[in-house]
């Protein structure tokens, strides 16, 4: 019973922080403060009342429209809230009451923010990735859930692999295959999860990214020359690894 209440609480907390993630996704690319002013309608600029800012519920009650001007609210807002809530709950179910839960939950929110900004603007904000590298490394020293040496290797290997791929792509295809943001994102994730798991994350990310790219071309949604943001695939691979990395590693070593 107690565990169920904690799980529900974690899910609700994830929804609330997911609402804040929406603010970050919208404002960070515009170089706006994520704190002031209060949340407002992008169309009529009316400040959103607390009753209209309840994650998921307010969107449903308002039928996806602004109370004041009737402007349609993007479905992306409740999607991000729900996604963050589900990931928080999943992390709690895997790690329970542990340091990993306290670390991986906020990390997952940062990764969600990065993914949607990359999808929208094709940029990965340094405001998140660079401090994330430092925070991940410092946590490995203060809270030994992984060793600081493992964290350093995660930074070097994570960022290094993407950097080498970027150089190879530039030399072979004469165009940018990976951006500097992808390098810093991989280094940040490596700082938190270490070198073994960043390798798994990148492998999964490349695998899913390759399948998605082929499908987009076959469905004629994208051409071979179109740039597809790779950040979301790195993030997806990382979230899968955070949740099931130990099982994946055990399965692989079993061969």
C-alpha atoms as a PDB file:
ATOM      1  CA  UNK A   1       0.000   0.000   0.000  1.00  0.00           C
ATOM      2  CA  UNK A   2       2.724   2.424   1.026  1.00  0.00           C
ATOM      3  CA  UNK A   3       4.753   1.575  -2.096  1.00  0.00           C
ATOM      4  CA  UNK A   4       1.697   2.229  -4.292  1.00  0.00           C
ATOM      5  CA  UNK A   5       1.168   5.655  -2.711  1.00  0.00           C
ATOM      6  CA  UNK A   6       4.817   6.507  -3.284  1.00  0.00           C
ATOM      7  CA  UNK A   7       4.568   5.408  -6.923  1.00  0.00           C
ATOM      8  CA  UNK A   8       1.511   7.612  -7.494  1.00  0.00           C
ATOM      9  CA  UNK A   9       3.276  10.528  -5.780  1.00  0.00           C
ATOM     10  CA  UNK A  10       6.327  10.073  -8.007  1.00  0.00           C
ATOM     11  CA  UNK A  11       4.109  10.025 -11.112  1.00  0.00           C
ATOM     12  CA  UNK A  12       2.337  13.232 -10.069  1.00  0.00           C
ATOM     13  CA  UNK A  13       5.686  14.867  -9.298  1.00  0.00           C
ATOM     14  CA  UNK A  14       6.811  13.863 -12.777  1.00  0.00           C
ATOM     15  CA  UNK A  15       3.733  15.509 -14.288  1.00  0.00           C
ATOM     16  CA  UNK A  16       4.404  18.743 -12.393  1.00  0.00           C
ATOM     17  CA  UNK A  17       8.056  18.852 -13.417  1.00  0.00           C
ATOM     18  CA  UNK A  18       6.956  17.936 -16.939  1.00  0.00           C
ATOM     19  CA  UNK A  19       4.944  21.151 -16.958  1.00  0.00           C
ATOM     20  CA  UNK A  20       8.136  23.038 -16.089  1.00  0.00           C
ATOM     21  CA  UNK A  21       9.907  21.153 -18.894  1.00  0.00           C
ATOM     22  CA  UNK A  22       7.401  22.706 -21.292  1.00  0.00           C
ATOM     23  CA  UNK A  23       8.434  26.158 -20.106  1.00  0.00           C
ATOM     24  CA  UNK A  24      12.095  25.305 -20.701  1.00  0.00           C
ATOM     25  CA  UNK A  25      11.457  23.879 -24.183  1.00  0.00           C
ATOM     26  CA  UNK A  26       9.606  27.056 -25.178  1.00  0.00           C
ATOM     27  CA  UNK A  27      11.833  29.673 -23.559  1.00  0.00           C
ATOM     28  CA  UNK A  28      15.432  28.407 -23.644  1.00  0.00           C
ATOM     29  CA  UNK A  29      15.785  28.689 -27.458  1.00  0.00           C
ATOM     30  CA  UNK A  30      14.435  32.250 -27.183  1.00  0.00           C
ATOM     31  CA  UNK A  31      17.001  33.113 -24.473  1.00  0.00           C
ATOM     32  CA  UNK A  32      14.146  33.987 -22.122  1.00  0.00           C
ATOM     33  CA  UNK A  33      14.060  33.470 -18.369  1.00  0.00           C
ATOM     34  CA  UNK A  34      12.530  30.142 -17.355  1.00  0.00           C
ATOM     35  CA  UNK A  35      11.304  31.703 -14.107  1.00  0.00           C
ATOM     36  CA  UNK A  36       9.883  35.135 -14.971  1.00  0.00           C
ATOM     37  CA  UNK A  37       7.340  36.082 -16.152  1.00  0.00           C
ATOM     38  CA  UNK A  38       4.751  33.517 -15.101  1.00  0.00           C
ATOM     39  CA  UNK A  39       3.341  31.091 -17.672  1.00  0.00           C
ATOM     40  CA  UNK A  40       1.161  32.861 -20.226  1.00  0.00           C
ATOM     41  CA  UNK A  41      -0.665  32.209 -23.472  1.00  0.00           C
ATOM     42  CA  UNK A  42       1.722  32.681 -26.435  1.00  0.00           C
ATOM     43  CA  UNK A  43      -1.139  34.243 -28.442  1.00  0.00           C
ATOM     44  CA  UNK A  44      -2.930  36.682 -26.113  1.00  0.00           C
ATOM     45  CA  UNK A  45      -0.162  36.805 -23.443  1.00  0.00           C
ATOM     46  CA  UNK A  46      -2.701  36.409 -20.645  1.00  0.00           C
ATOM     47  CA  UNK A  47      -1.160  34.957 -17.489  1.00  0.00           C
ATOM     48  CA  UNK A  48      -2.358  31.398 -17.020  1.00  0.00           C
ATOM     49  CA  UNK A  49      -4.245  30.938 -13.751  1.00  0.00           C
ATOM     50  CA  UNK A  50      -3.223  28.143 -11.395  1.00  0.00           C
ATOM     51  CA  UNK A  51      -6.509  26.326 -12.047  1.00  0.00           C
ATOM     52  CA  UNK A  52      -5.671  26.280 -15.752  1.00  0.00           C
ATOM     53  CA  UNK A  53      -2.115  25.088 -15.198  1.00  0.00           C
ATOM     54  CA  UNK A  54      -2.772  21.646 -13.708  1.00  0.00           C
ATOM     55  CA  UNK A  55      -0.773  19.082 -15.691  1.00  0.00           C
ATOM     56  CA  UNK A  56      -2.904  16.991 -18.096  1.00  0.00           C
ATOM     57  CA  UNK A  57      -6.174  17.801 -16.334  1.00  0.00           C
ATOM     58  CA  UNK A  58      -6.344  21.468 -17.362  1.00  0.00           C
ATOM     59  CA  UNK A  59      -5.677  20.589 -21.006  1.00  0.00           C
ATOM     60  CA  UNK A  60      -8.580  18.148 -20.976  1.00  0.00           C
ATOM     61  CA  UNK A  61     -10.962  20.519 -19.165  1.00  0.00           C
ATOM     62  CA  UNK A  62     -10.113  23.399 -21.502  1.00  0.00           C
ATOM     63  CA  UNK A  63     -10.415  21.077 -24.519  1.00  0.00           C
ATOM     64  CA  UNK A  64      -6.948  22.093 -25.650  1.00  0.00           C
ATOM     65  CA  UNK A  65      -7.736  25.810 -25.946  1.00  0.00           C
ATOM     66  CA  UNK A  66      -6.801  29.020 -24.114  1.00  0.00           C
ATOM     67  CA  UNK A  67      -9.578  30.102 -21.755  1.00  0.00           C
ATOM     68  CA  UNK A  68      -9.215  33.763 -22.758  1.00  0.00           C
ATOM     69  CA  UNK A  69      -8.661  33.848 -26.532  1.00  0.00           C
ATOM     70  CA  UNK A  70      -9.613  30.329 -27.586  1.00  0.00           C
ATOM     71  CA  UNK A  71      -6.269  29.754 -29.301  1.00  0.00           C
ATOM     72  CA  UNK A  72      -5.472  26.066 -29.700  1.00  0.00           C
ATOM     73  CA  UNK A  73      -2.899  24.705 -27.255  1.00  0.00           C
ATOM     74  CA  UNK A  74      -0.339  22.341 -28.764  1.00  0.00           C
ATOM     75  CA  UNK A  75      -0.854  18.671 -27.926  1.00  0.00           C
ATOM     76  CA  UNK A  76       2.873  18.619 -27.212  1.00  0.00           C
ATOM     77  CA  UNK A  77       2.310  20.155 -23.761  1.00  0.00           C
ATOM     78  CA  UNK A  78       0.340  17.260 -22.241  1.00  0.00           C
ATOM     79  CA  UNK A  79       2.558  14.779 -24.120  1.00  0.00           C
ATOM     80  CA  UNK A  80       5.696  16.127 -22.418  1.00  0.00           C
ATOM     81  CA  UNK A  81       3.953  16.187 -19.027  1.00  0.00           C
ATOM     82  CA  UNK A  82       2.733  12.610 -19.394  1.00  0.00           C
ATOM     83  CA  UNK A  83       6.072  11.399 -20.782  1.00  0.00           C
ATOM     84  CA  UNK A  84       7.963  12.905 -17.856  1.00  0.00           C
ATOM     85  CA  UNK A  85       5.521  11.383 -15.388  1.00  0.00           C
ATOM     86  CA  UNK A  86       5.821   7.925 -16.939  1.00  0.00           C
ATOM     87  CA  UNK A  87       9.618   8.082 -16.963  1.00  0.00           C
ATOM     88  CA  UNK A  88       9.725   9.192 -13.313  1.00  0.00           C
ATOM     89  CA  UNK A  89       7.434   6.313 -12.394  1.00  0.00           C
ATOM     90  CA  UNK A  90       9.498   3.848 -14.437  1.00  0.00           C
ATOM     91  CA  UNK A  91      12.722   4.953 -12.784  1.00  0.00           C
ATOM     92  CA  UNK A  92      11.133   4.580  -9.356  1.00  0.00           C
ATOM     93  CA  UNK A  93       9.842   1.099 -10.187  1.00  0.00           C
ATOM     94  CA  UNK A  94      13.324   0.030 -11.316  1.00  0.00           C
ATOM     95  CA  UNK A  95      15.453   1.698  -8.621  1.00  0.00           C
ATOM     96  CA  UNK A  96      12.975   2.235  -5.775  1.00  0.00           C
ATOM     97  CA  UNK A  97      14.033   4.449  -2.878  1.00  0.00           C
ATOM     98  CA  UNK A  98      17.624   4.961  -3.950  1.00  0.00           C
ATOM     99  CA  UNK A  99      20.221   7.535  -4.918  1.00  0.00           C
ATOM    100  CA  UNK A 100      19.847   6.476  -8.535  1.00  0.00           C
ATOM    101  CA  UNK A 101      16.192   7.525  -8.509  1.00  0.00           C
ATOM    102  CA  UNK A 102      17.113  10.953  -7.123  1.00  0.00           C
ATOM    103  CA  UNK A 103      19.787  11.354  -9.816  1.00  0.00           C
ATOM    104  CA  UNK A 104      18.186   9.770 -12.872  1.00  0.00           C
ATOM    105  CA  UNK A 105      14.771  11.425 -12.491  1.00  0.00           C
ATOM    106  CA  UNK A 106      15.996  15.031 -12.937  1.00  0.00           C
ATOM    107  CA  UNK A 107      18.481  13.808 -15.557  1.00  0.00           C
ATOM    108  CA  UNK A 108      15.603  12.360 -17.566  1.00  0.00           C
ATOM    109  CA  UNK A 109      13.779  15.711 -17.423  1.00  0.00           C
ATOM    110  CA  UNK A 110      16.871  17.468 -18.765  1.00  0.00           C
ATOM    111  CA  UNK A 111      17.068  14.910 -21.574  1.00  0.00           C
ATOM    112  CA  UNK A 112      13.403  15.424 -22.469  1.00  0.00           C
ATOM    113  CA  UNK A 113      13.956  19.180 -22.665  1.00  0.00           C
ATOM    114  CA  UNK A 114      16.991  18.693 -24.900  1.00  0.00           C
ATOM    115  CA  UNK A 115      15.126  16.283 -27.189  1.00  0.00           C
ATOM    116  CA  UNK A 116      12.202  18.566 -27.899  1.00  0.00           C
ATOM    117  CA  UNK A 117      14.396  21.622 -28.389  1.00  0.00           C
ATOM    118  CA  UNK A 118      16.507  19.629 -30.845  1.00  0.00           C
ATOM    119  CA  UNK A 119      13.385  18.475 -32.676  1.00  0.00           C
ATOM    120  CA  UNK A 120      12.085  22.057 -32.893  1.00  0.00           C
ATOM    121  CA  UNK A 121      15.238  24.071 -33.513  1.00  0.00           C
ATOM    122  CA  UNK A 122      17.948  21.509 -34.397  1.00  0.00           C
ATOM    123  CA  UNK A 123      20.071  22.761 -31.521  1.00  0.00           C
ATOM    124  CA  UNK A 124      21.168  21.235 -28.237  1.00  0.00           C
ATOM    125  CA  UNK A 125      21.449  24.036 -25.664  1.00  0.00           C
ATOM    126  CA  UNK A 126      24.816  24.435 -23.968  1.00  0.00           C
ATOM    127  CA  UNK A 127      22.920  25.847 -20.984  1.00  0.00           C
ATOM    128  CA  UNK A 128      21.944  22.269 -20.139  1.00  0.00           C
ATOM    129  CA  UNK A 129      24.689  20.026 -21.529  1.00  0.00           C
ATOM    130  CA  UNK A 130      27.769  21.881 -20.266  1.00  0.00           C
ATOM    131  CA  UNK A 131      26.599  22.284 -16.644  1.00  0.00           C
ATOM    132  CA  UNK A 132      25.317  18.710 -16.906  1.00  0.00           C
ATOM    133  CA  UNK A 133      28.828  17.408 -17.581  1.00  0.00           C
ATOM    134  CA  UNK A 134      30.134  19.155 -14.471  1.00  0.00           C
ATOM    135  CA  UNK A 135      27.190  18.106 -12.289  1.00  0.00           C
ATOM    136  CA  UNK A 136      27.437  14.483 -13.410  1.00  0.00           C
ATOM    137  CA  UNK A 137      31.140  14.344 -12.603  1.00  0.00           C
ATOM    138  CA  UNK A 138      30.750  16.055  -9.215  1.00  0.00           C
ATOM    139  CA  UNK A 139      27.930  13.697  -8.246  1.00  0.00           C
ATOM    140  CA  UNK A 140      30.210  10.727  -8.955  1.00  0.00           C
ATOM    141  CA  UNK A 141      32.606  12.148  -6.360  1.00  0.00           C
ATOM    142  CA  UNK A 142      30.080  13.179  -3.708  1.00  0.00           C
ATOM    143  CA  UNK A 143      27.636  10.285  -4.209  1.00  0.00           C
ATOM    144  CA  UNK A 144      29.532   7.137  -5.222  1.00  0.00           C
ATOM    145  CA  UNK A 145      26.767   5.458  -7.228  1.00  0.00           C
ATOM    146  CA  UNK A 146      29.471   5.239  -9.918  1.00  0.00           C
ATOM    147  CA  UNK A 147      33.169   5.975  -9.480  1.00  0.00           C
ATOM    148  CA  UNK A 148      34.577   9.317 -10.558  1.00  0.00           C
ATOM    149  CA  UNK A 149      36.966   7.435 -12.865  1.00  0.00           C
ATOM    150  CA  UNK A 150      33.992   5.750 -14.515  1.00  0.00           C
ATOM    151  CA  UNK A 151      32.373   9.164 -14.931  1.00  0.00           C
ATOM    152  CA  UNK A 152      35.514  10.637 -16.525  1.00  0.00           C
ATOM    153  CA  UNK A 153      35.702   7.704 -18.950  1.00  0.00           C
ATOM    154  CA  UNK A 154      32.014   8.184 -19.712  1.00  0.00           C
ATOM    155  CA  UNK A 155      32.636  11.822 -20.605  1.00  0.00           C
ATOM    156  CA  UNK A 156      35.662  11.046 -22.776  1.00  0.00           C
ATOM    157  CA  UNK A 157      34.212   7.982 -24.525  1.00  0.00           C
ATOM    158  CA  UNK A 158      30.709   9.393 -24.915  1.00  0.00           C
ATOM    159  CA  UNK A 159      31.831  12.701 -26.372  1.00  0.00           C
ATOM    160  CA  UNK A 160      34.798  11.150 -28.185  1.00  0.00           C
ATOM    161  CA  UNK A 161      32.781   8.624 -30.192  1.00  0.00           C
ATOM    162  CA  UNK A 162      30.387  11.274 -31.494  1.00  0.00           C
ATOM    163  CA  UNK A 163      33.294  13.630 -32.212  1.00  0.00           C
ATOM    164  CA  UNK A 164      35.097  10.970 -34.273  1.00  0.00           C
ATOM    165  CA  UNK A 165      31.906  10.178 -36.183  1.00  0.00           C
ATOM    166  CA  UNK A 166      31.473  13.891 -36.879  1.00  0.00           C
ATOM    167  CA  UNK A 167      35.017  14.119 -38.249  1.00  0.00           C
ATOM    168  CA  UNK A 168      34.556  10.981 -40.363  1.00  0.00           C
ATOM    169  CA  UNK A 169      31.262  12.237 -41.753  1.00  0.00           C
ATOM    170  CA  UNK A 170      32.807  15.574 -42.641  1.00  0.00           C
ATOM    171  CA  UNK A 171      35.739  13.878 -44.399  1.00  0.00           C
ATOM    172  CA  UNK A 172      33.654  11.312 -46.296  1.00  0.00           C
ATOM    173  CA  UNK A 173      30.424  13.123 -47.084  1.00  0.00           C
ATOM    174  CA  UNK A 174      31.789  16.689 -47.034  1.00  0.00           C
ATOM    175  CA  UNK A 175      28.995  17.798 -44.717  1.00  0.00           C
ATOM    176  CA  UNK A 176      28.207  17.806 -41.027  1.00  0.00           C
ATOM    177  CA  UNK A 177      27.115  14.357 -39.845  1.00  0.00           C
ATOM    178  CA  UNK A 178      27.027  15.210 -36.125  1.00  0.00           C
ATOM    179  CA  UNK A 179      26.968  18.584 -34.450  1.00  0.00           C
ATOM    180  CA  UNK A 180      28.941  19.864 -31.505  1.00  0.00           C
ATOM    181  CA  UNK A 181      25.761  19.718 -29.458  1.00  0.00           C
ATOM    182  CA  UNK A 182      25.588  15.959 -29.940  1.00  0.00           C
ATOM    183  CA  UNK A 183      29.176  15.650 -28.690  1.00  0.00           C
ATOM    184  CA  UNK A 184      28.416  17.604 -25.516  1.00  0.00           C
ATOM    185  CA  UNK A 185      25.133  15.762 -24.970  1.00  0.00           C
ATOM    186  CA  UNK A 186      26.862  12.369 -25.137  1.00  0.00           C
ATOM    187  CA  UNK A 187      29.595  13.590 -22.810  1.00  0.00           C
ATOM    188  CA  UNK A 188      26.965  14.799 -20.333  1.00  0.00           C
ATOM    189  CA  UNK A 189      25.139  11.474 -20.344  1.00  0.00           C
ATOM    190  CA  UNK A 190      28.447   9.623 -20.001  1.00  0.00           C
ATOM    191  CA  UNK A 191      29.245  11.694 -16.910  1.00  0.00           C
ATOM    192  CA  UNK A 192      26.094  10.353 -15.237  1.00  0.00           C
ATOM    193  CA  UNK A 193      26.039   6.719 -16.336  1.00  0.00           C
ATOM    194  CA  UNK A 194      29.702   5.833 -16.992  1.00  0.00           C
ATOM    195  CA  UNK A 195      31.548   4.394 -19.966  1.00  0.00           C
ATOM    196  CA  UNK A 196      29.884   0.974 -20.240  1.00  0.00           C
ATOM    197  CA  UNK A 197      26.375   2.319 -20.297  1.00  0.00           C
ATOM    198  CA  UNK A 198      27.128   5.239 -22.608  1.00  0.00           C
ATOM    199  CA  UNK A 199      28.388   2.671 -25.119  1.00  0.00           C
ATOM    200  CA  UNK A 200      25.090   0.795 -24.846  1.00  0.00           C
ATOM    201  CA  UNK A 201      23.161   4.071 -25.078  1.00  0.00           C
ATOM    202  CA  UNK A 202      24.911   5.153 -28.263  1.00  0.00           C
ATOM    203  CA  UNK A 203      24.540   1.725 -29.867  1.00  0.00           C
ATOM    204  CA  UNK A 204      20.798   1.729 -29.181  1.00  0.00           C
ATOM    205  CA  UNK A 205      20.533   5.340 -30.331  1.00  0.00           C
ATOM    206  CA  UNK A 206      22.318   4.625 -33.620  1.00  0.00           C
ATOM    207  CA  UNK A 207      20.231   1.503 -34.187  1.00  0.00           C
ATOM    208  CA  UNK A 208      16.896   3.253 -33.621  1.00  0.00           C
ATOM    209  CA  UNK A 209      18.078   6.325 -35.534  1.00  0.00           C
ATOM    210  CA  UNK A 210      19.056   4.211 -38.555  1.00  0.00           C
ATOM    211  CA  UNK A 211      15.672   2.471 -38.620  1.00  0.00           C
ATOM    212  CA  UNK A 212      13.827   5.780 -38.228  1.00  0.00           C
ATOM    213  CA  UNK A 213      15.906   7.383 -40.988  1.00  0.00           C
ATOM    214  CA  UNK A 214      15.211   4.526 -43.411  1.00  0.00           C
ATOM    215  CA  UNK A 215      11.483   4.653 -42.661  1.00  0.00           C
ATOM    216  CA  UNK A 216      11.361   8.430 -43.173  1.00  0.00           C
ATOM    217  CA  UNK A 217      13.048   8.064 -46.549  1.00  0.00           C
ATOM    218  CA  UNK A 218      10.849   5.137 -47.633  1.00  0.00           C
ATOM    219  CA  UNK A 219       7.716   7.050 -46.612  1.00  0.00           C
ATOM    220  CA  UNK A 220       9.113  10.099 -48.469  1.00  0.00           C
ATOM    221  CA  UNK A 221       8.795  12.242 -45.370  1.00  0.00           C
ATOM    222  CA  UNK A 222      12.502  13.059 -45.603  1.00  0.00           C
ATOM    223  CA  UNK A 223      15.063  12.862 -48.386  1.00  0.00           C
ATOM    224  CA  UNK A 224      18.606  11.524 -48.126  1.00  0.00           C
ATOM    225  CA  UNK A 225      19.913  15.095 -47.991  1.00  0.00           C
ATOM    226  CA  UNK A 226      17.641  16.246 -45.145  1.00  0.00           C
ATOM    227  CA  UNK A 227      19.185  16.714 -41.723  1.00  0.00           C
ATOM    228  CA  UNK A 228      17.565  14.546 -39.044  1.00  0.00           C
ATOM    229  CA  UNK A 229      18.263  15.648 -35.434  1.00  0.00           C
ATOM    230  CA  UNK A 230      20.205  12.880 -33.726  1.00  0.00           C
ATOM    231  CA  UNK A 231      19.898  14.214 -30.175  1.00  0.00           C
ATOM    232  CA  UNK A 232      16.485  12.596 -29.547  1.00  0.00           C
ATOM    233  CA  UNK A 233      17.890   9.184 -30.548  1.00  0.00           C
ATOM    234  CA  UNK A 234      20.841   9.576 -28.161  1.00  0.00           C
ATOM    235  CA  UNK A 235      18.340  10.502 -25.445  1.00  0.00           C
ATOM    236  CA  UNK A 236      16.063   7.570 -26.246  1.00  0.00           C
ATOM    237  CA  UNK A 237      19.002   5.165 -26.136  1.00  0.00           C
ATOM    238  CA  UNK A 238      20.076   6.657 -22.815  1.00  0.00           C
ATOM    239  CA  UNK A 239      16.649   6.372 -21.213  1.00  0.00           C
ATOM    240  CA  UNK A 240      16.370   2.754 -22.341  1.00  0.00           C
ATOM    241  CA  UNK A 241      19.816   2.104 -20.874  1.00  0.00           C
ATOM    242  CA  UNK A 242      19.010   3.829 -17.583  1.00  0.00           C
ATOM    243  CA  UNK A 243      15.932   1.615 -17.192  1.00  0.00           C
ATOM    244  CA  UNK A 244      17.191  -1.684 -18.595  1.00  0.00           C
ATOM    245  CA  UNK A 245      20.935  -1.259 -19.135  1.00  0.00           C
ATOM    246  CA  UNK A 246      21.929  -3.846 -16.556  1.00  0.00           C
ATOM    247  CA  UNK A 247      19.653  -6.445 -18.153  1.00  0.00           C
ATOM    248  CA  UNK A 248      20.936  -5.575 -21.626  1.00  0.00           C
ATOM    249  CA  UNK A 249      24.540  -5.844 -20.464  1.00  0.00           C
ATOM    250  CA  UNK A 250      23.888  -9.180 -18.740  1.00  0.00           C
ATOM    251  CA  UNK A 251      22.143 -10.491 -21.841  1.00  0.00           C
ATOM    252  CA  UNK A 252      25.043  -9.415 -24.056  1.00  0.00           C
ATOM    253  CA  UNK A 253      27.693 -10.883 -21.767  1.00  0.00           C
ATOM    254  CA  UNK A 254      25.687 -14.108 -21.696  1.00  0.00           C
ATOM    255  CA  UNK A 255      26.736 -14.697 -25.287  1.00  0.00           C
END
